[in-house]
Amino acid sequence: MNRRSCLGAALAAFTLSACDTLPKGGDSLMTRLAEQLGVTPQQAGAGAGSLLALAREKLPPADFSKVAASIPGTGRYIDLAKTALGQDLLINSPAAVQSAFWKLGMNPTLIDKFKPILLDTAGTIGGEPVKQLLTKAWA
């Protein structure tokens, strides 16, 4: 089986398994990411989860709890990333996020398009301080 076939099979398996974990009735952040960036809802959720997992690794727990409170479903997004990328998910660097995006079937150039949407969402509830925490974590 060639590389493209393997990737297609992996994405199909991910899509089917991730559908079970999607919220009923939709998810506005995943929908927004998917529609604006041309990715599937599953890719949107797992991509957001990858960036949020990096923030969880980089920020002190008290700061990450502010982020999690500002982005409804943070735990669900990280779980989607774990489902897609493996339960031993450790995203502790920007390079690890790039690798995650490749594994999700997305070009890592999309990371810079995910970030402002996540920052906007976080800022709606948590304001500028939470946006600064995320920006710091992703640097």
N, C-alpha and C. Protein backbone atom coordinates (compact mmCIF):
# COMPACT_ATOMS: atom_id res chain seq x y z
N MET A 1 0.86 -1.17 0.00
CA MET A 1 0.00 0.00 0.00
C MET A 1 0.90 1.23 0.00
N ASN A 2 0.65 2.18 -0.90
CA ASN A 2 1.50 3.36 -0.96
C ASN A 2 1.14 4.36 0.13
N ARG A 3 1.99 5.39 0.28
CA ARG A 3 1.83 6.38 1.36
C ARG A 3 0.48 7.09 1.28
N ARG A 4 0.05 7.46 0.08
CA ARG A 4 -1.23 8.17 -0.08
C ARG A 4 -2.39 7.29 0.36
N SER A 5 -2.35 6.01 0.01
CA SER A 5 -3.41 5.09 0.42
C SER A 5 -3.44 4.91 1.93
N CYS A 6 -2.25 4.83 2.53
CA CYS A 6 -2.17 4.69 3.98
C CYS A 6 -2.75 5.92 4.67
N LEU A 7 -2.40 7.09 4.15
CA LEU A 7 -2.92 8.32 4.74
C LEU A 7 -4.43 8.39 4.60
N GLY A 8 -4.95 8.02 3.43
CA GLY A 8 -6.40 8.03 3.22
C GLY A 8 -7.11 7.07 4.15
N ALA A 9 -6.55 5.90 4.35
CA ALA A 9 -7.15 4.92 5.25
C ALA A 9 -7.12 5.42 6.69
N ALA A 10 -6.02 6.04 7.05
CA ALA A 10 -5.90 6.57 8.42
C ALA A 10 -6.90 7.69 8.66
N LEU A 11 -7.04 8.57 7.68
CA LEU A 11 -8.01 9.67 7.83
C LEU A 11 -9.44 9.15 7.89
N ALA A 12 -9.74 8.15 7.10
CA ALA A 12 -11.09 7.58 7.14
C ALA A 12 -11.37 6.96 8.50
N ALA A 13 -10.39 6.24 9.05
CA ALA A 13 -10.57 5.64 10.37
C ALA A 13 -10.73 6.72 11.43
N PHE A 14 -9.93 7.79 11.32
CA PHE A 14 -10.04 8.90 12.27
C PHE A 14 -11.41 9.54 12.18
N THR A 15 -11.88 9.78 10.98
CA THR A 15 -13.17 10.44 10.80
C THR A 15 -14.29 9.62 11.43
N LEU A 16 -14.27 8.32 11.20
CA LEU A 16 -15.32 7.47 11.75
C LEU A 16 -15.24 7.40 13.27
N SER A 17 -14.04 7.29 13.82
CA SER A 17 -13.93 7.20 15.28
C SER A 17 -14.20 8.53 15.95
N ALA A 18 -13.82 9.63 15.32
CA ALA A 18 -14.02 10.94 15.94
C ALA A 18 -15.48 11.36 15.92
N CYS A 19 -16.24 10.86 14.97
CA CYS A 19 -17.66 11.24 14.90
C CYS A 19 -18.40 10.88 16.18
N ASP A 20 -17.99 9.81 16.83
CA ASP A 20 -18.64 9.41 18.07
C ASP A 20 -18.42 10.41 19.19
N THR A 21 -17.35 11.21 19.10
CA THR A 21 -17.04 12.13 20.18
C THR A 21 -17.48 13.56 19.88
N LEU A 22 -18.06 13.80 18.73
CA LEU A 22 -18.52 15.13 18.40
C LEU A 22 -19.79 15.45 19.18
N PRO A 23 -19.92 16.71 19.59
CA PRO A 23 -21.12 17.06 20.35
C PRO A 23 -22.36 16.99 19.49
N LYS A 24 -23.47 16.61 20.11
CA LYS A 24 -24.74 16.58 19.40
C LYS A 24 -25.18 18.02 19.13
N GLY A 25 -25.71 18.26 17.97
CA GLY A 25 -26.18 19.60 17.65
C GLY A 25 -25.10 20.53 17.15
N GLY A 26 -23.89 20.04 16.97
CA GLY A 26 -22.84 20.87 16.42
C GLY A 26 -22.02 21.58 17.48
N ASP A 27 -21.01 22.25 17.02
CA ASP A 27 -20.07 22.95 17.87
C ASP A 27 -19.66 24.20 17.12
N SER A 28 -19.91 25.36 17.68
CA SER A 28 -19.70 26.60 16.94
C SER A 28 -18.23 26.85 16.61
N LEU A 29 -17.30 26.54 17.51
CA LEU A 29 -15.88 26.75 17.20
C LEU A 29 -15.43 25.80 16.10
N MET A 30 -15.79 24.53 16.20
CA MET A 30 -15.40 23.58 15.15
C MET A 30 -16.03 23.97 13.82
N THR A 31 -17.28 24.39 13.85
CA THR A 31 -17.95 24.81 12.62
C THR A 31 -17.26 26.02 12.02
N ARG A 32 -16.95 26.98 12.86
CA ARG A 32 -16.27 28.20 12.38
C ARG A 32 -14.91 27.86 11.76
N LEU A 33 -14.12 27.05 12.45
CA LEU A 33 -12.81 26.65 11.92
C LEU A 33 -12.98 25.90 10.60
N ALA A 34 -13.89 24.94 10.58
CA ALA A 34 -14.09 24.13 9.38
C ALA A 34 -14.53 24.99 8.19
N GLU A 35 -15.50 25.86 8.42
CA GLU A 35 -16.02 26.67 7.32
C GLU A 35 -15.00 27.70 6.84
N GLN A 36 -14.32 28.35 7.76
CA GLN A 36 -13.38 29.40 7.37
C GLN A 36 -12.09 28.85 6.78
N LEU A 37 -11.69 27.65 7.20
CA LEU A 37 -10.40 27.13 6.78
C LEU A 37 -10.48 25.97 5.81
N GLY A 38 -11.70 25.52 5.52
CA GLY A 38 -11.85 24.44 4.54
C GLY A 38 -11.35 23.10 5.01
N VAL A 39 -11.52 22.81 6.30
CA VAL A 39 -11.14 21.52 6.86
C VAL A 39 -12.40 20.83 7.36
N THR A 40 -12.30 19.55 7.68
CA THR A 40 -13.46 18.85 8.22
C THR A 40 -13.67 19.27 9.67
N PRO A 41 -14.87 19.08 10.20
CA PRO A 41 -15.08 19.38 11.62
C PRO A 41 -14.14 18.57 12.53
N GLN A 42 -13.86 17.33 12.16
CA GLN A 42 -12.96 16.51 12.95
C GLN A 42 -11.54 17.08 12.94
N GLN A 43 -11.07 17.50 11.77
CA GLN A 43 -9.75 18.13 11.69
C GLN A 43 -9.74 19.43 12.49
N ALA A 44 -10.82 20.19 12.40
CA ALA A 44 -10.92 21.45 13.14
C ALA A 44 -10.82 21.20 14.64
N GLY A 45 -11.59 20.25 15.14
CA GLY A 45 -11.57 19.95 16.57
C GLY A 45 -10.23 19.43 17.05
N ALA A 46 -9.65 18.49 16.31
CA ALA A 46 -8.36 17.92 16.71
C ALA A 46 -7.23 18.93 16.53
N GLY A 47 -7.31 19.78 15.50
CA GLY A 47 -6.31 20.83 15.33
C GLY A 47 -6.35 21.83 16.48
N ALA A 48 -7.57 22.23 16.85
CA ALA A 48 -7.73 23.12 18.01
C ALA A 48 -7.21 22.42 19.26
N GLY A 49 -7.52 21.13 19.39
CA GLY A 49 -7.04 20.36 20.54
C GLY A 49 -5.53 20.29 20.62
N SER A 50 -4.87 20.22 19.47
CA SER A 50 -3.41 20.19 19.44
C SER A 50 -2.83 21.50 19.97
N LEU A 51 -3.40 22.61 19.53
CA LEU A 51 -2.93 23.91 20.01
C LEU A 51 -3.24 24.10 21.49
N LEU A 52 -4.40 23.62 21.92
CA LEU A 52 -4.75 23.73 23.33
C LEU A 52 -3.89 22.79 24.19
N ALA A 53 -3.52 21.64 23.66
CA ALA A 53 -2.63 20.73 24.38
C ALA A 53 -1.27 21.38 24.59
N LEU A 54 -0.79 22.11 23.58
CA LEU A 54 0.47 22.84 23.73
C LEU A 54 0.35 23.88 24.85
N ALA A 55 -0.76 24.60 24.86
CA ALA A 55 -0.97 25.59 25.92
C ALA A 55 -1.00 24.92 27.29
N ARG A 56 -1.64 23.77 27.38
CA ARG A 56 -1.70 23.04 28.66
C ARG A 56 -0.31 22.66 29.14
N GLU A 57 0.55 22.26 28.20
CA GLU A 57 1.92 21.87 28.56
C GLU A 57 2.77 23.07 28.97
N LYS A 58 2.56 24.21 28.33
CA LYS A 58 3.43 25.37 28.53
C LYS A 58 3.01 26.29 29.67
N LEU A 59 1.73 26.32 29.98
CA LEU A 59 1.24 27.27 30.98
C LEU A 59 1.15 26.64 32.36
N PRO A 60 1.33 27.45 33.40
CA PRO A 60 1.05 26.93 34.75
C PRO A 60 -0.43 26.53 34.84
N PRO A 61 -0.75 25.56 35.68
CA PRO A 61 -2.14 25.09 35.75
C PRO A 61 -3.17 26.19 35.99
N ALA A 62 -2.86 27.15 36.82
CA ALA A 62 -3.82 28.23 37.09
C ALA A 62 -4.09 29.05 35.84
N ASP A 63 -3.06 29.28 35.04
CA ASP A 63 -3.24 30.04 33.80
C ASP A 63 -4.01 29.22 32.76
N PHE A 64 -3.68 27.92 32.68
CA PHE A 64 -4.40 27.09 31.70
C PHE A 64 -5.88 26.98 32.07
N SER A 65 -6.18 26.98 33.36
CA SER A 65 -7.59 26.90 33.75
C SER A 65 -8.35 28.14 33.27
N LYS A 66 -7.69 29.28 33.19
CA LYS A 66 -8.32 30.49 32.64
C LYS A 66 -8.59 30.31 31.15
N VAL A 67 -7.63 29.71 30.46
CA VAL A 67 -7.81 29.44 29.03
C VAL A 67 -8.98 28.47 28.84
N ALA A 68 -8.98 27.38 29.60
CA ALA A 68 -10.03 26.37 29.47
C ALA A 68 -11.40 26.95 29.77
N ALA A 69 -11.47 27.87 30.72
CA ALA A 69 -12.75 28.50 31.04
C ALA A 69 -13.21 29.45 29.95
N SER A 70 -12.27 29.90 29.12
CA SER A 70 -12.59 30.87 28.07
C SER A 70 -12.91 30.23 26.73
N ILE A 71 -12.58 28.95 26.58
CA ILE A 71 -12.88 28.23 25.34
C ILE A 71 -13.73 27.02 25.71
N PRO A 72 -15.05 27.16 25.62
CA PRO A 72 -15.91 26.03 25.96
C PRO A 72 -15.54 24.78 25.16
N GLY A 73 -15.45 23.66 25.85
CA GLY A 73 -15.12 22.40 25.18
C GLY A 73 -13.64 22.13 25.06
N THR A 74 -12.80 22.87 25.78
CA THR A 74 -11.35 22.67 25.69
C THR A 74 -10.97 21.21 25.89
N GLY A 75 -11.49 20.59 26.92
CA GLY A 75 -11.17 19.18 27.18
C GLY A 75 -11.59 18.28 26.04
N ARG A 76 -12.75 18.56 25.45
CA ARG A 76 -13.25 17.77 24.33
C ARG A 76 -12.31 17.90 23.12
N TYR A 77 -11.80 19.12 22.88
CA TYR A 77 -10.88 19.30 21.75
C TYR A 77 -9.58 18.54 21.97
N ILE A 78 -9.06 18.59 23.18
CA ILE A 78 -7.84 17.84 23.48
C ILE A 78 -8.11 16.34 23.34
N ASP A 79 -9.28 15.89 23.77
CA ASP A 79 -9.64 14.47 23.60
C ASP A 79 -9.74 14.09 22.13
N LEU A 80 -10.28 14.97 21.29
CA LEU A 80 -10.33 14.69 19.85
C LEU A 80 -8.92 14.53 19.29
N ALA A 81 -8.00 15.39 19.74
CA ALA A 81 -6.62 15.27 19.29
C ALA A 81 -6.01 13.95 19.75
N LYS A 82 -6.28 13.57 21.00
CA LYS A 82 -5.77 12.30 21.51
C LYS A 82 -6.33 11.12 20.71
N THR A 83 -7.62 11.16 20.38
CA THR A 83 -8.23 10.09 19.60
C THR A 83 -7.56 9.98 18.23
N ALA A 84 -7.31 11.12 17.63
CA ALA A 84 -6.74 11.12 16.28
C ALA A 84 -5.25 10.80 16.27
N LEU A 85 -4.54 11.23 17.30
CA LEU A 85 -3.07 11.15 17.28
C LEU A 85 -2.50 10.09 18.21
N GLY A 86 -3.34 9.52 19.04
CA GLY A 86 -2.87 8.50 19.99
C GLY A 86 -3.02 8.98 21.42
N GLN A 87 -3.38 8.07 22.28
CA GLN A 87 -3.66 8.43 23.68
C GLN A 87 -2.45 8.96 24.43
N ASP A 88 -1.25 8.64 23.96
CA ASP A 88 -0.04 9.13 24.63
C ASP A 88 0.39 10.49 24.06
N LEU A 89 -0.57 11.25 23.62
CA LEU A 89 -0.34 12.55 23.03
C LEU A 89 0.50 13.43 23.95
N LEU A 90 1.63 13.90 23.43
CA LEU A 90 2.44 14.88 24.13
C LEU A 90 2.81 15.95 23.12
N ILE A 91 2.13 17.06 23.24
CA ILE A 91 2.42 18.18 22.36
C ILE A 91 3.03 19.26 23.25
N ASN A 92 4.36 19.36 23.17
CA ASN A 92 5.07 20.26 24.07
C ASN A 92 5.94 21.28 23.33
N SER A 93 5.73 21.41 22.03
CA SER A 93 6.50 22.38 21.26
C SER A 93 5.74 22.74 19.99
N PRO A 94 6.05 23.90 19.41
CA PRO A 94 5.43 24.23 18.12
C PRO A 94 5.70 23.17 17.05
N ALA A 95 6.87 22.55 17.09
CA ALA A 95 7.18 21.49 16.12
C ALA A 95 6.24 20.30 16.29
N ALA A 96 5.88 20.00 17.53
CA ALA A 96 4.93 18.90 17.78
C ALA A 96 3.55 19.23 17.23
N VAL A 97 3.15 20.51 17.30
CA VAL A 97 1.87 20.93 16.72
C VAL A 97 1.93 20.77 15.20
N GLN A 98 3.04 21.15 14.60
CA GLN A 98 3.19 20.98 13.14
C GLN A 98 3.05 19.52 12.76
N SER A 99 3.70 18.65 13.51
CA SER A 99 3.61 17.21 13.25
C SER A 99 2.17 16.73 13.39
N ALA A 100 1.49 17.21 14.41
CA ALA A 100 0.09 16.82 14.61
C ALA A 100 -0.77 17.23 13.42
N PHE A 101 -0.57 18.45 12.92
CA PHE A 101 -1.35 18.90 11.77
C PHE A 101 -1.09 18.01 10.56
N TRP A 102 0.17 17.62 10.32
CA TRP A 102 0.45 16.70 9.21
C TRP A 102 -0.30 15.40 9.41
N LYS A 103 -0.25 14.86 10.63
CA LYS A 103 -0.91 13.57 10.91
C LYS A 103 -2.42 13.67 10.75
N LEU A 104 -2.96 14.87 10.95
CA LEU A 104 -4.39 15.09 10.79
C LEU A 104 -4.78 15.34 9.34
N GLY A 105 -3.79 15.34 8.45
CA GLY A 105 -4.06 15.57 7.03
C GLY A 105 -4.17 17.04 6.66
N MET A 106 -3.59 17.91 7.49
CA MET A 106 -3.62 19.35 7.23
C MET A 106 -2.21 19.88 7.08
N ASN A 107 -2.05 20.85 6.21
CA ASN A 107 -0.76 21.50 6.06
C ASN A 107 -0.52 22.36 7.30
N PRO A 108 0.67 22.30 7.88
CA PRO A 108 0.96 23.10 9.07
C PRO A 108 0.85 24.62 8.86
N THR A 109 0.80 25.06 7.62
CA THR A 109 0.59 26.50 7.41
C THR A 109 -0.77 26.94 7.95
N LEU A 110 -1.67 25.98 8.13
CA LEU A 110 -2.99 26.31 8.70
C LEU A 110 -2.92 26.69 10.18
N ILE A 111 -1.84 26.34 10.85
CA ILE A 111 -1.71 26.67 12.27
C ILE A 111 -1.88 28.18 12.47
N ASP A 112 -1.24 28.96 11.61
CA ASP A 112 -1.33 30.42 11.73
C ASP A 112 -2.71 30.95 11.38
N LYS A 113 -3.57 30.12 10.81
CA LYS A 113 -4.95 30.51 10.56
C LYS A 113 -5.87 30.03 11.68
N PHE A 114 -5.49 28.95 12.36
CA PHE A 114 -6.25 28.48 13.52
C PHE A 114 -6.10 29.45 14.69
N LYS A 115 -4.88 29.93 14.90
CA LYS A 115 -4.58 30.73 16.08
C LYS A 115 -5.49 31.95 16.25
N PRO A 116 -5.67 32.81 15.23
CA PRO A 116 -6.52 33.98 15.46
C PRO A 116 -7.97 33.63 15.80
N ILE A 117 -8.46 32.53 15.24
CA ILE A 117 -9.84 32.12 15.53
C ILE A 117 -9.94 31.65 16.99
N LEU A 118 -8.95 30.88 17.44
CA LEU A 118 -8.94 30.46 18.84
C LEU A 118 -8.75 31.66 19.77
N LEU A 119 -7.88 32.58 19.39
CA LEU A 119 -7.67 33.78 20.21
C LEU A 119 -8.94 34.62 20.31
N ASP A 120 -9.64 34.74 19.19
CA ASP A 120 -10.89 35.50 19.18
C ASP A 120 -11.92 34.85 20.11
N THR A 121 -12.01 33.52 20.04
CA THR A 121 -12.94 32.79 20.89
C THR A 121 -12.58 32.97 22.36
N ALA A 122 -11.31 32.81 22.69
CA ALA A 122 -10.85 32.96 24.08
C ALA A 122 -11.06 34.38 24.57
N GLY A 123 -10.82 35.35 23.70
CA GLY A 123 -10.95 36.74 24.09
C GLY A 123 -12.38 37.17 24.36
N THR A 124 -13.32 36.51 23.72
CA THR A 124 -14.73 36.84 23.93
C THR A 124 -15.13 36.64 25.39
N ILE A 125 -14.62 35.59 26.01
CA ILE A 125 -14.96 35.31 27.41
C ILE A 125 -13.87 35.81 28.36
N GLY A 126 -12.61 35.53 28.03
CA GLY A 126 -11.51 35.82 28.96
C GLY A 126 -10.83 37.15 28.75
N GLY A 127 -11.14 37.81 27.65
CA GLY A 127 -10.54 39.10 27.38
C GLY A 127 -9.07 39.03 26.97
N GLU A 128 -8.46 40.19 26.94
CA GLU A 128 -7.07 40.32 26.50
C GLU A 128 -6.09 39.50 27.35
N PRO A 129 -6.28 39.40 28.68
CA PRO A 129 -5.32 38.61 29.46
C PRO A 129 -5.24 37.15 29.01
N VAL A 130 -6.36 36.54 28.66
CA VAL A 130 -6.34 35.14 28.22
C VAL A 130 -5.71 35.04 26.83
N LYS A 131 -5.99 36.00 25.97
CA LYS A 131 -5.36 36.00 24.65
C LYS A 131 -3.84 36.08 24.80
N GLN A 132 -3.36 36.87 25.74
CA GLN A 132 -1.92 36.99 25.96
C GLN A 132 -1.33 35.68 26.50
N LEU A 133 -2.08 34.99 27.35
CA LEU A 133 -1.61 33.69 27.86
C LEU A 133 -1.42 32.71 26.71
N LEU A 134 -2.41 32.63 25.82
CA LEU A 134 -2.31 31.71 24.68
C LEU A 134 -1.16 32.10 23.76
N THR A 135 -1.03 33.38 23.48
CA THR A 135 0.05 33.84 22.62
C THR A 135 1.40 33.45 23.21
N LYS A 136 1.55 33.62 24.51
CA LYS A 136 2.79 33.25 25.20
C LYS A 136 3.04 31.74 25.09
N ALA A 137 2.00 30.95 25.29
CA ALA A 137 2.13 29.49 25.25
C ALA A 137 2.52 28.99 23.86
N TRP A 138 2.05 29.66 22.83
CA TRP A 138 2.30 29.22 21.47
C TRP A 138 3.60 29.74 20.89
N ALA A 139 4.29 30.62 21.62
CA ALA A 139 5.54 31.22 21.10
C ALA A 139 6.67 30.21 21.06
